[in-house]
Amino acid sequence: MKVIWKRPDGFLESDPNDFTVLEMPSKSKLWLHKRDQKNFPFRISGGWQDEESTRKLNTLVNLLKKPMESWQEWLEQDFFNSKLEKSDLHKDSLKVWLKTVKENLKGDTWELEIMGEALEEIHKQISNTTL
């Protein structure tokens, strides 16, 4: 598996008005596409579940700018669509998946820092959300 950041320059012939900027706690900026939230800003490649994993990761990244209620709704829906019977197991499996994603980040140093920080923020939100 490889996880890369699809930088906003040249993405689907977009211009700056197509993006919103999310300021990370370190003051780094992460550009999020306003409409294509399932395929941007990251891409996972290297396995048969790449497309589904990319959509899931990008949905979580785009939730970073949303209120806690949106996290709650997404986690509940994802749990009900999973094969797990306990919500705690579901949250744990998401955290393990995020750890795996983080271990497979590829890019320049500053890209790795921003992607890693986004994954840490997602982990915090999942940990703080109850099911």
C-alpha atoms as a PDB file:
ATOM      1  CA  MET A   1       0.000   0.000   0.000  1.00  0.00           C
ATOM      2  CA  LYS A   2       1.104   3.538  -0.745  1.00  0.00           C
ATOM      3  CA  VAL A   3      -0.653   6.704   0.434  1.00  0.00           C
ATOM      4  CA  ILE A   4       0.070   9.926  -1.436  1.00  0.00           C
ATOM      5  CA  TRP A   5      -1.212  13.470  -1.233  1.00  0.00           C
ATOM      6  CA  LYS A   6      -2.923  14.698  -4.392  1.00  0.00           C
ATOM      7  CA  ARG A   7      -1.693  18.258  -4.308  1.00  0.00           C
ATOM      8  CA  PRO A   8      -4.210  20.893  -5.410  1.00  0.00           C
ATOM      9  CA  ASP A   9      -2.112  22.123  -8.310  1.00  0.00           C
ATOM     10  CA  GLY A  10      -3.399  20.461 -11.444  1.00  0.00           C
ATOM     11  CA  PHE A  11      -6.214  18.493  -9.795  1.00  0.00           C
ATOM     12  CA  LEU A  12      -8.949  18.046 -12.404  1.00  0.00           C
ATOM     13  CA  GLU A  13      -8.159  21.459 -13.897  1.00  0.00           C
ATOM     14  CA  SER A  14      -9.343  23.089 -10.680  1.00  0.00           C
ATOM     15  CA  ASP A  15      -8.741  26.637  -9.610  1.00  0.00           C
ATOM     16  CA  PRO A  16      -8.316  27.990  -6.055  1.00  0.00           C
ATOM     17  CA  ASN A  17     -12.058  28.735  -5.747  1.00  0.00           C
ATOM     18  CA  ASP A  18     -12.754  24.989  -5.924  1.00  0.00           C
ATOM     19  CA  PHE A  19     -11.001  24.442  -2.595  1.00  0.00           C
ATOM     20  CA  THR A  20     -11.417  25.250   1.045  1.00  0.00           C
ATOM     21  CA  VAL A  21      -8.407  25.456   3.321  1.00  0.00           C
ATOM     22  CA  LEU A  22      -8.284  23.552   6.588  1.00  0.00           C
ATOM     23  CA  GLU A  23      -5.745  24.879   9.060  1.00  0.00           C
ATOM     24  CA  MET A  24      -4.088  22.090  10.990  1.00  0.00           C
ATOM     25  CA  PRO A  25      -3.006  22.506  14.647  1.00  0.00           C
ATOM     26  CA  SER A  26       0.621  23.025  13.532  1.00  0.00           C
ATOM     27  CA  LYS A  27      -0.600  25.911  11.338  1.00  0.00           C
ATOM     28  CA  SER A  28      -0.024  23.851   8.184  1.00  0.00           C
ATOM     29  CA  LYS A  29      -2.688  24.200   5.534  1.00  0.00           C
ATOM     30  CA  LEU A  30      -4.551  21.311   3.949  1.00  0.00           C
ATOM     31  CA  TRP A  31      -6.539  22.130   0.828  1.00  0.00           C
ATOM     32  CA  LEU A  32      -9.835  20.244   0.545  1.00  0.00           C
ATOM     33  CA  HIS A  33     -11.835  20.093  -2.661  1.00  0.00           C
ATOM     34  CA  LYS A  34     -15.324  21.524  -2.108  1.00  0.00           C
ATOM     35  CA  ARG A  35     -17.146  19.001  -4.317  1.00  0.00           C
ATOM     36  CA  ASP A  36     -14.948  15.938  -4.766  1.00  0.00           C
ATOM     37  CA  GLN A  37     -14.573  14.952  -1.135  1.00  0.00           C
ATOM     38  CA  LYS A  38     -14.330  11.212  -1.769  1.00  0.00           C
ATOM     39  CA  ASN A  39     -11.332  11.347  -4.116  1.00  0.00           C
ATOM     40  CA  PHE A  40      -9.365  14.266  -2.703  1.00  0.00           C
ATOM     41  CA  PRO A  41      -6.919  15.090  -1.012  1.00  0.00           C
ATOM     42  CA  PHE A  42      -5.270  11.641  -0.621  1.00  0.00           C
ATOM     43  CA  ARG A  43      -4.978   8.513  -2.733  1.00  0.00           C
ATOM     44  CA  ILE A  44      -4.269   4.962  -1.616  1.00  0.00           C
ATOM     45  CA  SER A  45      -2.747   2.560  -4.120  1.00  0.00           C
ATOM     46  CA  GLY A  46      -1.200  -0.879  -4.139  1.00  0.00           C
ATOM     47  CA  GLY A  47      -4.030  -3.307  -3.427  1.00  0.00           C
ATOM     48  CA  TRP A  48      -7.407  -4.505  -4.568  1.00  0.00           C
ATOM     49  CA  GLN A  49      -9.337  -2.319  -2.099  1.00  0.00           C
ATOM     50  CA  ASP A  50      -7.627   0.919  -3.117  1.00  0.00           C
ATOM     51  CA  GLU A  51     -10.644   2.804  -4.413  1.00  0.00           C
ATOM     52  CA  GLU A  52     -12.823   1.997  -1.403  1.00  0.00           C
ATOM     53  CA  SER A  53      -9.985   2.818   1.024  1.00  0.00           C
ATOM     54  CA  THR A  54      -9.269   6.098  -0.749  1.00  0.00           C
ATOM     55  CA  ARG A  55     -12.923   7.142  -0.442  1.00  0.00           C
ATOM     56  CA  LYS A  56     -13.024   6.199   3.229  1.00  0.00           C
ATOM     57  CA  LEU A  57      -9.817   8.080   4.046  1.00  0.00           C
ATOM     58  CA  ASN A  58     -10.881  11.187   2.154  1.00  0.00           C
ATOM     59  CA  THR A  59     -14.308  11.162   3.777  1.00  0.00           C
ATOM     60  CA  LEU A  60     -12.590  11.133   7.172  1.00  0.00           C
ATOM     61  CA  VAL A  61     -10.176  13.908   6.184  1.00  0.00           C
ATOM     62  CA  ASN A  62     -13.073  16.055   4.985  1.00  0.00           C
ATOM     63  CA  LEU A  63     -14.911  15.428   8.251  1.00  0.00           C
ATOM     64  CA  LEU A  64     -12.129  17.325  10.046  1.00  0.00           C
ATOM     65  CA  LYS A  65     -13.889  20.593   9.242  1.00  0.00           C
ATOM     66  CA  LYS A  66     -17.283  19.279  10.383  1.00  0.00           C
ATOM     67  CA  PRO A  67     -18.948  19.356  13.826  1.00  0.00           C
ATOM     68  CA  MET A  68     -18.891  16.350  16.172  1.00  0.00           C
ATOM     69  CA  GLU A  69     -22.444  15.405  15.121  1.00  0.00           C
ATOM     70  CA  SER A  70     -21.171  14.667  11.605  1.00  0.00           C
ATOM     71  CA  TRP A  71     -18.492  12.372  13.045  1.00  0.00           C
ATOM     72  CA  GLN A  72     -21.131  10.628  15.127  1.00  0.00           C
ATOM     73  CA  GLU A  73     -23.365  10.066  12.097  1.00  0.00           C
ATOM     74  CA  TRP A  74     -20.516   8.779   9.945  1.00  0.00           C
ATOM     75  CA  LEU A  75     -19.219   6.403  12.620  1.00  0.00           C
ATOM     76  CA  GLU A  76     -22.690   5.015  13.264  1.00  0.00           C
ATOM     77  CA  GLN A  77     -23.286   4.441   9.565  1.00  0.00           C
ATOM     78  CA  ASP A  78     -19.868   2.869   9.087  1.00  0.00           C
ATOM     79  CA  PHE A  79     -20.418   0.621  12.113  1.00  0.00           C
ATOM     80  CA  PHE A  80     -23.811  -0.552  10.838  1.00  0.00           C
ATOM     81  CA  ASN A  81     -22.232  -1.329   7.447  1.00  0.00           C
ATOM     82  CA  SER A  82     -19.417  -3.301   9.059  1.00  0.00           C
ATOM     83  CA  LYS A  83     -19.427  -6.959  10.017  1.00  0.00           C
ATOM     84  CA  LEU A  84     -18.452  -6.198  13.602  1.00  0.00           C
ATOM     85  CA  GLU A  85     -20.962  -6.706  16.378  1.00  0.00           C
ATOM     86  CA  LYS A  86     -19.568  -4.265  18.935  1.00  0.00           C
ATOM     87  CA  SER A  87     -18.989  -0.577  18.377  1.00  0.00           C
ATOM     88  CA  ASP A  88     -15.777  -0.598  20.425  1.00  0.00           C
ATOM     89  CA  LEU A  89     -14.328  -3.250  18.113  1.00  0.00           C
ATOM     90  CA  HIS A  90     -15.310  -1.105  15.150  1.00  0.00           C
ATOM     91  CA  LYS A  91     -13.563   1.966  16.547  1.00  0.00           C
ATOM     92  CA  ASP A  92     -10.490  -0.145  17.349  1.00  0.00           C
ATOM     93  CA  SER A  93     -10.419  -1.545  13.812  1.00  0.00           C
ATOM     94  CA  LEU A  94     -10.596   2.012  12.405  1.00  0.00           C
ATOM     95  CA  LYS A  95      -7.675   3.046  14.595  1.00  0.00           C
ATOM     96  CA  VAL A  96      -5.613   0.047  13.451  1.00  0.00           C
ATOM     97  CA  TRP A  97      -6.456   0.877   9.834  1.00  0.00           C
ATOM     98  CA  LEU A  98      -5.390   4.502  10.364  1.00  0.00           C
ATOM     99  CA  LYS A  99      -2.100   3.305  11.871  1.00  0.00           C
ATOM    100  CA  THR A 100      -1.487   1.147   8.803  1.00  0.00           C
ATOM    101  CA  VAL A 101      -2.315   4.075   6.530  1.00  0.00           C
ATOM    102  CA  LYS A 102       0.079   6.316   8.473  1.00  0.00           C
ATOM    103  CA  GLU A 103       2.879   3.760   8.163  1.00  0.00           C
ATOM    104  CA  ASN A 104       2.508   3.836   4.370  1.00  0.00           C
ATOM    105  CA  LEU A 105       2.639   7.574   3.669  1.00  0.00           C
ATOM    106  CA  LYS A 106       4.827   8.560   0.724  1.00  0.00           C
ATOM    107  CA  GLY A 107       5.985  12.029  -0.313  1.00  0.00           C
ATOM    108  CA  ASP A 108       8.244  14.933   0.558  1.00  0.00           C
ATOM    109  CA  THR A 109       8.971  15.669   4.221  1.00  0.00           C
ATOM    110  CA  TRP A 110       6.410  18.492   4.438  1.00  0.00           C
ATOM    111  CA  GLU A 111       3.760  16.329   2.719  1.00  0.00           C
ATOM    112  CA  LEU A 112       4.386  13.518   5.198  1.00  0.00           C
ATOM    113  CA  GLU A 113       4.024  15.957   8.090  1.00  0.00           C
ATOM    114  CA  ILE A 114       0.690  17.313   6.863  1.00  0.00           C
ATOM    115  CA  MET A 115      -0.717  13.877   6.015  1.00  0.00           C
ATOM    116  CA  GLY A 116       0.470  12.474   9.344  1.00  0.00           C
ATOM    117  CA  GLU A 117      -1.091  15.353  11.228  1.00  0.00           C
ATOM    118  CA  ALA A 118      -4.395  14.861   9.412  1.00  0.00           C
ATOM    119  CA  LEU A 119      -4.366  11.172  10.388  1.00  0.00           C
ATOM    120  CA  GLU A 120      -3.604  12.063  14.015  1.00  0.00           C
ATOM    121  CA  GLU A 121      -6.544  14.489  14.059  1.00  0.00           C
ATOM    122  CA  ILE A 122      -8.826  11.801  12.604  1.00  0.00           C
ATOM    123  CA  HIS A 123      -7.648   9.369  15.294  1.00  0.00           C
ATOM    124  CA  LYS A 124      -8.448  11.943  18.005  1.00  0.00           C
ATOM    125  CA  GLN A 125     -11.928  12.564  16.600  1.00  0.00           C
ATOM    126  CA  ILE A 126     -12.696   8.850  16.419  1.00  0.00           C
ATOM    127  CA  SER A 127     -11.433   8.397  19.993  1.00  0.00           C
ATOM    128  CA  ASN A 128     -13.618  11.276  21.222  1.00  0.00           C
ATOM    129  CA  THR A 129     -16.779  10.083  19.499  1.00  0.00           C
ATOM    130  CA  THR A 130     -19.110   7.674  21.268  1.00  0.00           C
ATOM    131  CA  LEU A 131     -21.132   4.968  19.579  1.00  0.00           C
END
